[in-house]
Amino acid sequence: MRERAPVAIDTSVPSIARIYDYFLDGEDNFACDRELAAQLLRVAPEARAMARDNRAFLGRVVRYLAGRGVRQFLDLGTGLPTQNNVHEVAQQIHPDTRVAYVDNDPVVLVHARALLANNPHTVVIDADVRDPATLLADPALRELIDFDQPVAVLLVGILYFFSEEDRPFDIVAAFRDAVVPGSHIALSHVVSDEGPEELGQAQELCRSFLKRPRDARRSRKQVLSFFDGLELVEPGLVPASQWRAEPLDTVDTSGAAAWMLGGVGRTRAGG
């Protein structure tokens, strides 16, 4: 494991992005991240599989949308670069696809910028997803992404870290309203309908370690509300591991799979 960090990175404080990296067998995590990850796995052993289901869902979404002509992606809360990043998947289909990555974790920004330094069709934006107006006005974002053309907005594995005080439904609506008809919004979200006791314990553990307000627990019905004003793409809001599963995918049909739902909505004329 790498234990060297960029200057000004506090390696004693766990990071959701680095814990996610650890669950995906990455190397960009530190002892504090692995300690919290181990505690999470004791409380919710399904957490590692959920992270992998989530990552696989992202790849399938990007392939699906790129295969239907989408040439612009806005990846919000991108996390640490791993294999099969959005630009890698999309540019295999269309090499000129433009991808904007957004995060405000210093470790994520350092690694993403190093990875993408020689890719002219990508940009890394240091911004808080909870402030859509500032992000959408960012000059670097506007230089790469043409908001007069369809854009795929990716909110994969991020919204369940936002409490109600963060106004997550308003965040999604702001991005929905910022893109033209024919655009898409993709998201995944942990739900509280299944396994509520384990989920609550895991969220409380994260909250206490990360010193943040209590994360929101939302039902499937509440998550479905994120797609208000959008046309759900088939098969709708389903377990992320089952969303347009491909022939070689291992589809998890256990109860744990129902914790993480995923879906894609298409914007329509008139909102």
Protein backbone atom coordinates (compact mmCIF):
# COMPACT_ATOMS: atom_id res chain seq x y z
CA MET A 1 0.00 0.00 0.00
CA ARG A 2 1.12 3.54 -0.70
CA GLU A 3 1.54 5.58 2.44
CA ARG A 4 2.92 8.77 0.90
CA ALA A 5 0.47 11.59 0.43
CA PRO A 6 0.59 14.98 -1.29
CA VAL A 7 1.50 17.95 0.86
CA ALA A 8 -1.40 19.25 3.01
CA ILE A 9 -3.29 15.94 2.90
CA ASP A 10 -4.23 14.80 6.40
CA THR A 11 -3.67 11.04 6.37
CA SER A 12 -5.12 10.68 9.86
CA VAL A 13 -8.68 11.52 8.76
CA PRO A 14 -10.63 8.90 6.76
CA SER A 15 -12.00 9.80 3.34
CA ILE A 16 -15.05 8.28 1.68
CA ALA A 17 -13.24 8.39 -1.67
CA ARG A 18 -10.25 6.47 -0.29
CA ILE A 19 -12.47 3.90 1.48
CA TYR A 20 -14.26 3.33 -1.83
CA ASP A 21 -10.84 2.95 -3.48
CA TYR A 22 -9.93 0.32 -0.88
CA PHE A 23 -13.14 -1.62 -1.51
CA LEU A 24 -12.21 -1.65 -5.22
CA ASP A 25 -8.72 -3.02 -4.43
CA GLY A 26 -7.05 0.30 -5.15
CA GLU A 27 -3.79 1.52 -3.63
CA ASP A 28 -4.64 5.16 -2.94
CA ASN A 29 -5.76 4.76 0.66
CA PHE A 30 -4.19 5.05 4.08
CA ALA A 31 -4.28 3.22 7.40
CA CYS A 32 -7.12 5.36 8.74
CA ASP A 33 -9.23 4.55 5.67
CA ARG A 34 -8.59 0.82 5.99
CA GLU A 35 -9.43 0.94 9.70
CA LEU A 36 -12.83 2.50 9.04
CA ALA A 37 -13.40 0.18 6.08
CA ALA A 38 -12.76 -2.83 8.33
CA GLN A 39 -15.27 -1.52 10.86
CA LEU A 40 -17.83 -0.93 8.13
CA LEU A 41 -17.39 -4.48 6.88
CA ARG A 42 -17.96 -5.84 10.37
CA VAL A 43 -21.23 -3.92 10.59
CA ALA A 44 -22.30 -4.39 6.95
CA PRO A 45 -20.31 -7.17 5.24
CA GLU A 46 -22.08 -6.35 1.97
CA ALA A 47 -20.34 -2.96 1.70
CA ARG A 48 -17.49 -4.19 -0.50
CA ALA A 49 -19.85 -5.92 -2.94
CA MET A 50 -22.05 -2.83 -3.03
CA ALA A 51 -19.05 -0.67 -3.97
CA ARG A 52 -18.19 -3.03 -6.79
CA ASP A 53 -21.80 -3.22 -7.98
CA ASN A 54 -21.84 0.57 -7.99
CA ARG A 55 -18.66 0.81 -10.07
CA ALA A 56 -19.90 -1.77 -12.56
CA PHE A 57 -23.20 0.11 -12.84
CA LEU A 58 -21.28 3.28 -13.73
CA GLY A 59 -19.43 1.49 -16.52
CA ARG A 60 -22.62 0.06 -18.00
CA VAL A 61 -24.34 3.44 -17.88
CA VAL A 62 -21.47 5.11 -19.72
CA ARG A 63 -21.32 2.38 -22.36
CA TYR A 64 -25.09 2.54 -22.84
CA LEU A 65 -25.17 6.32 -23.23
CA ALA A 66 -22.03 6.55 -25.38
CA GLY A 67 -23.47 3.84 -27.60
CA ARG A 68 -26.53 6.04 -28.13
CA GLY A 69 -24.58 9.07 -29.19
CA VAL A 70 -23.85 10.92 -25.94
CA ARG A 71 -20.53 12.78 -26.36
CA GLN A 72 -20.40 14.77 -23.11
CA PHE A 73 -20.29 13.52 -19.52
CA LEU A 74 -20.28 15.44 -16.25
CA ASP A 75 -19.12 13.10 -13.47
CA LEU A 76 -20.04 14.59 -10.08
CA GLY A 77 -18.20 13.36 -7.01
CA THR A 78 -15.89 11.33 -9.20
CA GLY A 79 -13.82 9.72 -6.46
CA LEU A 80 -10.33 8.34 -6.95
CA PRO A 81 -9.34 7.21 -10.45
CA THR A 82 -9.42 3.44 -10.87
CA GLN A 83 -9.72 1.22 -13.90
CA ASN A 84 -12.53 1.86 -16.36
CA ASN A 85 -12.96 5.54 -15.61
CA VAL A 86 -15.71 7.42 -17.42
CA HIS A 87 -13.41 8.87 -20.07
CA GLU A 88 -11.76 5.49 -20.69
CA VAL A 89 -15.08 3.73 -21.24
CA ALA A 90 -16.65 6.50 -23.33
CA GLN A 91 -13.57 7.26 -25.44
CA GLN A 92 -13.27 3.61 -26.43
CA ILE A 93 -16.54 4.17 -28.28
CA HIS A 94 -16.03 7.77 -29.39
CA PRO A 95 -12.44 9.07 -28.92
CA ASP A 96 -13.54 12.71 -28.94
CA THR A 97 -15.98 12.30 -26.02
CA ARG A 98 -15.57 15.09 -23.47
CA VAL A 99 -15.62 14.32 -19.76
CA ALA A 100 -15.59 16.76 -16.84
CA TYR A 101 -14.74 15.28 -13.44
CA VAL A 102 -15.85 17.16 -10.34
CA ASP A 103 -14.70 16.62 -6.76
CA ASN A 104 -13.38 18.63 -3.82
CA ASP A 105 -11.30 15.96 -2.11
CA PRO A 106 -7.62 17.05 -2.35
CA VAL A 107 -6.35 13.50 -2.86
CA VAL A 108 -8.87 12.90 -5.64
CA LEU A 109 -7.90 16.13 -7.38
CA VAL A 110 -4.16 15.39 -7.27
CA HIS A 111 -4.53 11.90 -8.70
CA ALA A 112 -7.16 12.81 -11.29
CA ARG A 113 -5.11 15.70 -12.66
CA ALA A 114 -2.01 13.52 -12.90
CA LEU A 115 -3.95 10.80 -14.73
CA LEU A 116 -5.59 13.21 -17.17
CA ALA A 117 -2.73 15.61 -17.79
CA ASN A 118 -2.32 14.50 -21.41
CA ASN A 119 -5.97 14.01 -22.28
CA PRO A 120 -7.29 17.14 -24.04
CA HIS A 121 -10.90 15.98 -23.89
CA THR A 122 -11.10 15.93 -20.09
CA VAL A 123 -10.99 18.44 -17.26
CA VAL A 124 -10.89 18.13 -13.47
CA ILE A 125 -12.91 20.73 -11.56
CA ASP A 126 -12.39 21.52 -7.87
CA ALA A 127 -15.94 22.26 -6.75
CA ASP A 128 -18.62 21.32 -4.26
CA VAL A 129 -21.51 19.45 -5.88
CA ARG A 130 -23.79 20.97 -3.25
CA ASP A 131 -23.32 24.35 -4.95
CA PRO A 132 -24.55 23.71 -8.51
CA ALA A 133 -24.73 27.39 -9.48
CA THR A 134 -21.04 27.98 -8.83
CA LEU A 135 -20.04 24.73 -10.48
CA LEU A 136 -22.12 25.33 -13.58
CA ALA A 137 -20.56 28.77 -14.00
CA ASP A 138 -16.99 27.44 -13.77
CA PRO A 139 -15.02 28.71 -16.81
CA ALA A 140 -13.06 25.47 -17.24
CA LEU A 141 -16.27 23.47 -17.25
CA ARG A 142 -17.90 25.81 -19.75
CA GLU A 143 -14.83 25.68 -21.98
CA LEU A 144 -15.03 21.89 -22.29
CA ILE A 145 -18.75 21.13 -22.02
CA ASP A 146 -21.25 22.67 -24.43
CA PHE A 147 -24.51 22.93 -22.51
CA ASP A 148 -26.37 23.64 -25.75
CA GLN A 149 -25.78 19.98 -26.61
CA PRO A 150 -26.90 16.89 -24.66
CA VAL A 151 -24.92 16.06 -21.53
CA ALA A 152 -24.95 12.99 -19.29
CA VAL A 153 -24.84 14.03 -15.64
CA LEU A 154 -23.54 11.25 -13.38
CA LEU A 155 -24.41 11.23 -9.67
CA VAL A 156 -23.27 7.71 -8.95
CA GLY A 157 -22.78 6.82 -5.30
CA ILE A 158 -22.87 10.37 -3.95
CA LEU A 159 -26.40 11.50 -3.08
CA TYR A 160 -26.76 9.26 -0.04
CA PHE A 161 -23.94 11.21 1.62
CA PHE A 162 -26.03 14.38 1.45
CA SER A 163 -28.31 15.18 4.36
CA GLU A 164 -31.62 16.97 3.90
CA GLU A 165 -29.88 20.20 4.89
CA ASP A 166 -27.83 19.85 1.70
CA ARG A 167 -31.09 19.99 -0.33
CA PRO A 168 -30.20 17.00 -2.55
CA PHE A 169 -33.44 17.11 -4.54
CA ASP A 170 -32.73 20.74 -5.42
CA ILE A 171 -29.21 19.75 -6.48
CA VAL A 172 -30.50 17.16 -8.94
CA ALA A 173 -33.15 19.57 -10.20
CA ALA A 174 -30.52 22.26 -10.81
CA PHE A 175 -28.51 19.97 -13.06
CA ARG A 176 -31.67 18.71 -14.75
CA ASP A 177 -32.68 22.28 -15.55
CA ALA A 178 -29.19 23.19 -16.78
CA VAL A 179 -29.10 20.64 -19.61
CA VAL A 180 -31.02 20.47 -22.87
CA PRO A 181 -33.68 17.91 -23.82
CA GLY A 182 -32.08 14.63 -24.79
CA SER A 183 -29.63 14.81 -21.91
CA HIS A 184 -29.51 12.20 -19.15
CA ILE A 185 -29.10 12.04 -15.40
CA ALA A 186 -27.80 8.80 -13.92
CA LEU A 187 -27.67 8.07 -10.22
CA SER A 188 -27.30 5.30 -7.70
CA HIS A 189 -28.41 5.42 -4.11
CA VAL A 190 -28.46 3.19 -1.04
CA VAL A 191 -32.01 2.68 0.17
CA SER A 192 -33.41 1.95 3.60
CA ASP A 193 -36.19 -0.43 2.55
CA GLU A 194 -33.89 -3.44 2.93
CA GLY A 195 -31.54 -4.12 5.83
CA PRO A 196 -32.37 -0.92 7.75
CA GLU A 197 -30.60 -1.92 10.96
CA GLU A 198 -27.26 -2.67 9.31
CA LEU A 199 -27.55 0.37 7.07
CA GLY A 200 -28.22 2.65 10.00
CA GLN A 201 -25.23 1.28 11.91
CA ALA A 202 -22.92 1.76 8.92
CA GLN A 203 -24.11 5.32 8.36
CA GLU A 204 -23.71 6.20 12.03
CA LEU A 205 -20.18 4.81 11.97
CA CYS A 206 -19.28 6.95 8.95
CA ARG A 207 -20.88 10.00 10.50
CA SER A 208 -18.94 9.69 13.74
CA PHE A 209 -15.58 9.09 12.05
CA LEU A 210 -16.00 11.78 9.40
CA LYS A 211 -17.51 14.32 11.83
CA ARG A 212 -20.36 15.18 9.51
CA PRO A 213 -24.12 15.62 9.90
CA ARG A 214 -26.16 12.45 9.82
CA ASP A 215 -26.45 11.08 6.32
CA ALA A 216 -29.98 10.80 4.99
CA ARG A 217 -31.72 7.47 4.88
CA ARG A 218 -34.13 7.32 1.95
CA SER A 219 -36.66 4.78 0.78
CA ARG A 220 -37.02 3.58 -2.80
CA LYS A 221 -39.98 5.93 -3.21
CA GLN A 222 -37.87 8.89 -2.11
CA VAL A 223 -35.00 7.93 -4.43
CA LEU A 224 -37.47 7.63 -7.29
CA SER A 225 -38.38 11.28 -6.64
CA PHE A 226 -34.91 12.30 -7.85
CA PHE A 227 -36.19 11.45 -11.33
CA ASP A 228 -39.11 13.87 -11.20
CA GLY A 229 -39.32 15.70 -14.52
CA LEU A 230 -37.33 12.96 -16.26
CA GLU A 231 -38.31 9.98 -18.37
CA LEU A 232 -36.88 6.81 -16.78
CA VAL A 233 -34.88 4.68 -19.17
CA GLU A 234 -35.73 0.97 -19.08
CA PRO A 235 -35.51 -1.00 -16.85
CA GLY A 236 -36.22 1.89 -14.48
CA LEU A 237 -34.93 2.16 -10.92
CA VAL A 238 -33.62 -1.31 -10.07
CA PRO A 239 -30.78 -2.90 -8.09
CA ALA A 240 -27.60 -1.41 -9.55
CA SER A 241 -26.15 -4.86 -10.16
CA GLN A 242 -29.11 -5.68 -12.41
CA TRP A 243 -29.38 -2.45 -14.43
CA ARG A 244 -28.87 -3.61 -18.03
CA ALA A 245 -26.65 -6.42 -16.77
CA GLU A 246 -24.40 -7.79 -19.50
CA PRO A 247 -23.85 -11.48 -20.38
CA LEU A 248 -20.61 -11.82 -18.42
CA ASP A 249 -21.82 -9.88 -15.37
CA THR A 250 -22.39 -11.68 -12.11
CA VAL A 251 -25.86 -10.55 -11.12
CA ASP A 252 -26.34 -10.47 -7.35
CA THR A 253 -29.85 -11.66 -6.56
CA SER A 254 -29.36 -11.70 -2.78
CA GLY A 255 -31.18 -9.36 -0.45
CA ALA A 256 -28.04 -7.24 -0.09
CA ALA A 257 -28.24 -6.23 -3.76
CA ALA A 258 -31.45 -4.35 -3.04
CA TRP A 259 -29.58 -1.87 -0.84
CA MET A 260 -28.07 -0.12 -3.87
CA LEU A 261 -30.44 1.02 -6.60
CA GLY A 262 -29.53 2.62 -9.90
CA GLY A 263 -31.35 4.32 -12.72
CA VAL A 264 -31.05 6.70 -15.66
CA GLY A 265 -33.50 9.46 -16.58
CA ARG A 266 -33.78 11.30 -19.90
CA THR A 267 -34.63 14.99 -19.98
CA ARG A 268 -37.70 15.99 -21.93
CA ALA A 269 -38.72 19.15 -23.72
CA GLY A 270 -40.42 21.46 -21.26
CA GLY A 271 -38.62 19.92 -18.23
